N, C-alpha and C. Protein backbone atom coordinates (compact mmCIF):
# COMPACT_ATOMS: atom_id res chain seq x y z
N GLU A 1 0.66 -1.08 -0.40
CA GLU A 1 -0.05 0.06 0.09
C GLU A 1 0.63 1.29 -0.55
N ASN A 2 2.40 1.39 0.89
CA ASN A 2 2.85 2.44 1.02
C ASN A 2 3.43 2.86 -0.43
N ASN A 3 3.89 1.80 -1.10
CA ASN A 3 4.65 1.74 -2.31
C ASN A 3 3.44 2.45 -3.18
N CYS A 4 2.00 2.20 -3.37
CA CYS A 4 0.77 2.32 -4.33
C CYS A 4 0.81 4.35 -4.25
N ILE A 5 0.73 4.00 -2.96
CA ILE A 5 1.26 5.36 -2.37
C ILE A 5 2.44 6.67 -2.70
N MET A 6 3.51 6.04 -2.76
CA MET A 6 4.47 6.49 -2.67
C MET A 6 4.63 6.70 -4.62
N ASP A 7 4.31 6.11 -5.23
CA ASP A 7 4.26 5.74 -6.87
C ASP A 7 3.39 6.86 -7.45
N ALA A 8 1.77 7.29 -6.43
CA ALA A 8 1.05 7.84 -7.09
C ALA A 8 1.57 9.09 -6.56
N ALA A 9 2.50 9.49 -5.75
CA ALA A 9 2.86 11.06 -5.58
C ALA A 9 4.08 11.10 -6.22
N SER A 10 4.39 10.46 -6.35
CA SER A 10 5.75 10.28 -7.81
C SER A 10 5.04 10.90 -9.17
N GLY A 11 3.95 9.97 -9.39
CA GLY A 11 3.23 10.49 -10.24
C GLY A 11 2.91 11.81 -10.43
N LEU A 12 2.13 12.55 -9.26
CA LEU A 12 1.59 13.69 -8.87
C LEU A 12 2.49 14.89 -9.00
N ALA A 13 3.73 14.26 -8.80
CA ALA A 13 4.75 15.75 -8.55
C ALA A 13 5.25 15.49 -10.33
N SER A 14 5.56 14.16 -11.10
CA SER A 14 5.91 14.52 -12.50
C SER A 14 4.91 15.49 -13.10
N LEU A 15 3.62 15.30 -12.98
CA LEU A 15 2.50 15.69 -13.38
C LEU A 15 2.78 17.27 -13.15
N SER A 16 2.93 17.51 -12.07
CA SER A 16 2.73 18.97 -11.29
C SER A 16 4.21 19.61 -12.50
N GLU A 17 5.14 19.21 -12.69
CA GLU A 17 6.73 19.51 -13.05
C GLU A 17 6.39 20.02 -14.49
N GLU A 18 5.78 19.03 -15.43
CA GLU A 18 5.33 19.08 -16.69
C GLU A 18 4.06 20.37 -16.77
N THR A 19 2.95 20.31 -15.69
CA THR A 19 1.96 21.06 -16.15
C THR A 19 2.63 22.86 -15.77
N ALA A 20 3.75 22.76 -14.97
CA ALA A 20 4.60 24.02 -14.83
C ALA A 20 5.13 24.46 -16.09
N ALA A 21 6.12 23.55 -16.29
CA ALA A 21 7.11 23.89 -17.70
C ALA A 21 5.67 23.94 -18.81
N GLY A 22 5.01 23.55 -18.76
CA GLY A 22 3.76 23.28 -19.98
C GLY A 22 3.01 25.52 -19.65
N THR A 23 2.92 25.47 -18.57
CA THR A 23 2.20 26.61 -18.26
C THR A 23 3.60 28.24 -18.45
N GLN A 24 4.58 27.91 -18.12
CA GLN A 24 5.74 28.67 -18.17
C GLN A 24 5.82 28.99 -19.88
N GLU A 25 6.22 27.69 -20.68
CA GLU A 25 6.37 28.07 -22.41
C GLU A 25 4.92 28.67 -22.22
N ILE A 26 3.49 28.50 -22.43
CA ILE A 26 2.55 29.45 -23.26
C ILE A 26 2.57 30.85 -22.61
N SER A 27 3.09 31.02 -21.02
CA SER A 27 3.64 32.66 -20.58
C SER A 27 4.74 32.82 -21.61
N VAL A 28 5.54 32.60 -22.06
CA VAL A 28 6.57 32.77 -22.70
C VAL A 28 5.79 33.29 -24.41
N SER A 29 4.98 32.26 -24.88
CA SER A 29 4.22 32.42 -25.93
C SER A 29 3.75 33.21 -25.85
N ILE A 30 2.65 33.92 -24.81
CA ILE A 30 1.85 35.36 -24.60
C ILE A 30 2.50 36.27 -24.28
N GLN A 31 4.04 36.60 -23.57
CA GLN A 31 4.46 37.72 -24.04
C GLN A 31 5.13 37.78 -25.33
N SER A 32 5.45 37.21 -26.16
CA SER A 32 6.29 37.53 -27.49
C SER A 32 4.92 37.73 -28.16
N GLN A 33 3.29 37.25 -28.21
CA GLN A 33 2.56 37.60 -29.42
C GLN A 33 2.41 39.05 -28.80
N ALA A 34 2.32 39.64 -27.72
CA ALA A 34 2.21 40.58 -26.93
C ALA A 34 3.18 41.87 -27.70
N VAL A 35 4.70 41.37 -27.57
CA VAL A 35 5.28 41.95 -28.48
C VAL A 35 5.30 42.27 -29.69
N ASP A 36 4.92 41.01 -30.30
CA ASP A 36 4.20 41.17 -31.94
C ASP A 36 3.06 41.94 -32.04
N ILE A 37 2.06 42.27 -31.57
CA ILE A 37 1.06 43.01 -31.48
C ILE A 37 1.39 44.64 -31.56
N GLU A 38 2.38 44.76 -30.48
CA GLU A 38 3.06 45.82 -30.72
C GLU A 38 3.42 46.44 -31.30
N SER A 39 4.15 45.85 -32.05
CA SER A 39 5.09 45.97 -33.10
C SER A 39 4.30 46.24 -34.23
N VAL A 40 3.01 45.30 -34.75
CA VAL A 40 2.07 46.19 -35.77
C VAL A 40 1.09 46.79 -35.34
N ALA A 41 0.84 47.23 -34.15
CA ALA A 41 -0.19 48.07 -34.29
C ALA A 41 0.81 49.55 -34.46
N ASN A 42 2.35 49.32 -33.96
CA ASN A 42 3.04 50.73 -34.16
C ASN A 42 3.12 50.98 -35.73
N GLU A 43 3.44 49.88 -36.79
CA GLU A 43 3.90 49.61 -37.77
C GLU A 43 2.42 50.34 -38.32
N ALA A 44 1.08 49.96 -37.51
CA ALA A 44 -0.11 50.81 -38.74
C ALA A 44 -0.46 51.94 -37.99
N SER A 45 0.04 52.45 -37.15
CA SER A 45 0.37 53.84 -36.77
C SER A 45 1.69 54.41 -38.00
N GLN A 46 2.71 54.22 -37.83
CA GLN A 46 3.61 54.63 -38.80
C GLN A 46 3.02 54.26 -40.39
N LEU A 47 1.97 53.64 -40.71
CA LEU A 47 1.64 53.68 -42.66
C LEU A 47 0.33 54.31 -41.81
N SER A 48 -0.57 54.90 -41.07
CA SER A 48 -1.53 55.80 -40.96
C SER A 48 -0.78 57.14 -41.52
N GLU A 49 0.03 57.61 -40.82
CA GLU A 49 0.38 58.32 -40.90
C GLU A 49 1.05 59.44 -42.03
N ALA A 50 1.66 58.15 -42.70
CA ALA A 50 2.16 58.10 -44.29
C ALA A 50 1.30 58.35 -45.03
N ALA A 51 -0.23 57.48 -44.86
CA ALA A 51 -1.31 57.53 -45.50
C ALA A 51 -1.57 59.04 -45.48
N ARG A 52 -1.79 59.67 -44.12
CA ARG A 52 -2.29 60.97 -44.03
C ARG A 52 -1.03 61.73 -44.74
N GLU A 53 0.20 61.94 -44.57
CA GLU A 53 0.82 62.83 -45.41
C GLU A 53 1.27 63.02 -46.89
N LEU A 54 0.91 61.89 -47.40
CA LEU A 54 0.35 61.43 -48.59
C LEU A 54 -0.46 62.09 -49.42
N ASN A 55 -1.95 61.64 -48.26
CA ASN A 55 -3.30 62.61 -48.65
C ASN A 55 -3.14 64.07 -48.98
N GLU A 56 -2.47 64.56 -47.67
CA GLU A 56 -2.00 65.88 -47.84
C GLU A 56 -1.11 66.41 -49.11
N ILE A 57 -0.56 65.56 -50.02
CA ILE A 57 0.39 66.27 -50.87
C ILE A 57 -0.11 66.01 -51.68
N SER A 58 -1.24 64.88 -51.97
CA SER A 58 -2.10 65.07 -53.04
C SER A 58 -2.85 65.95 -53.21
N ARG A 59 -3.72 66.73 -52.29
CA ARG A 59 -4.21 67.53 -51.59
C ARG A 59 -3.44 68.97 -52.70
N ASN A 60 -2.71 69.37 -52.27
CA ASN A 60 -1.51 70.25 -52.84
C ASN A 60 -1.20 70.15 -54.51
N TYR A 61 -1.30 68.69 -54.51
CA TYR A 61 -0.77 69.02 -55.97
C TYR A 61 -1.89 68.58 -56.96
N TYR A 62 -3.10 68.26 -57.16
CA TYR A 62 -3.79 68.26 -57.59
C TYR A 62 -5.06 69.25 -57.40
N THR A 63 -5.64 69.47 -58.35
CA THR A 63 -7.05 70.84 -57.82
C THR A 63 -8.22 69.33 -57.96
N VAL A 64 -9.41 70.48 -57.80
CA VAL A 64 -10.66 69.92 -56.95
C VAL A 64 -11.38 68.87 -58.26
N ASP A 65 -10.88 69.56 -59.65
CA ASP A 65 -11.39 68.67 -60.90
C ASP A 65 -10.34 67.50 -61.77
N GLY A 66 -9.03 67.59 -60.74
CA GLY A 66 -8.41 66.03 -60.68
C GLY A 66 -6.73 66.74 -61.61
N GLN A 67 -6.90 68.25 -62.04
CA GLN A 67 -5.95 68.87 -63.45
C GLN A 67 -4.81 68.74 -61.99
N ILE A 68 -3.51 69.12 -62.42
CA ILE A 68 -2.13 69.05 -61.28
C ILE A 68 -1.81 70.65 -61.25
N ASN A 69 -1.78 70.92 -60.31
CA ASN A 69 -1.51 72.31 -60.14
C ASN A 69 -0.46 72.67 -60.35
C-alpha cells in the first residue's frame, strides 16, 4: 500500500512539473505575441501617418477637378 501511495505521489509530482513547464511555455508565448501585437500596432500607426501625409501631398498637387497644380 505504501508503494502504491509513493508511486501516486511521484506521478503527481511529475504531472505538476510538466504542468508548470507547460504554463511557463504558454507565458513565454503570450509575452512574445504581445510584443508582436505592439510591433504591428506601431507599424499600422506609421502607415496611417504616411497615408495622411500622402493625402496632404496629393491635395496640394491636384486641383478639385483632377488637374495638376
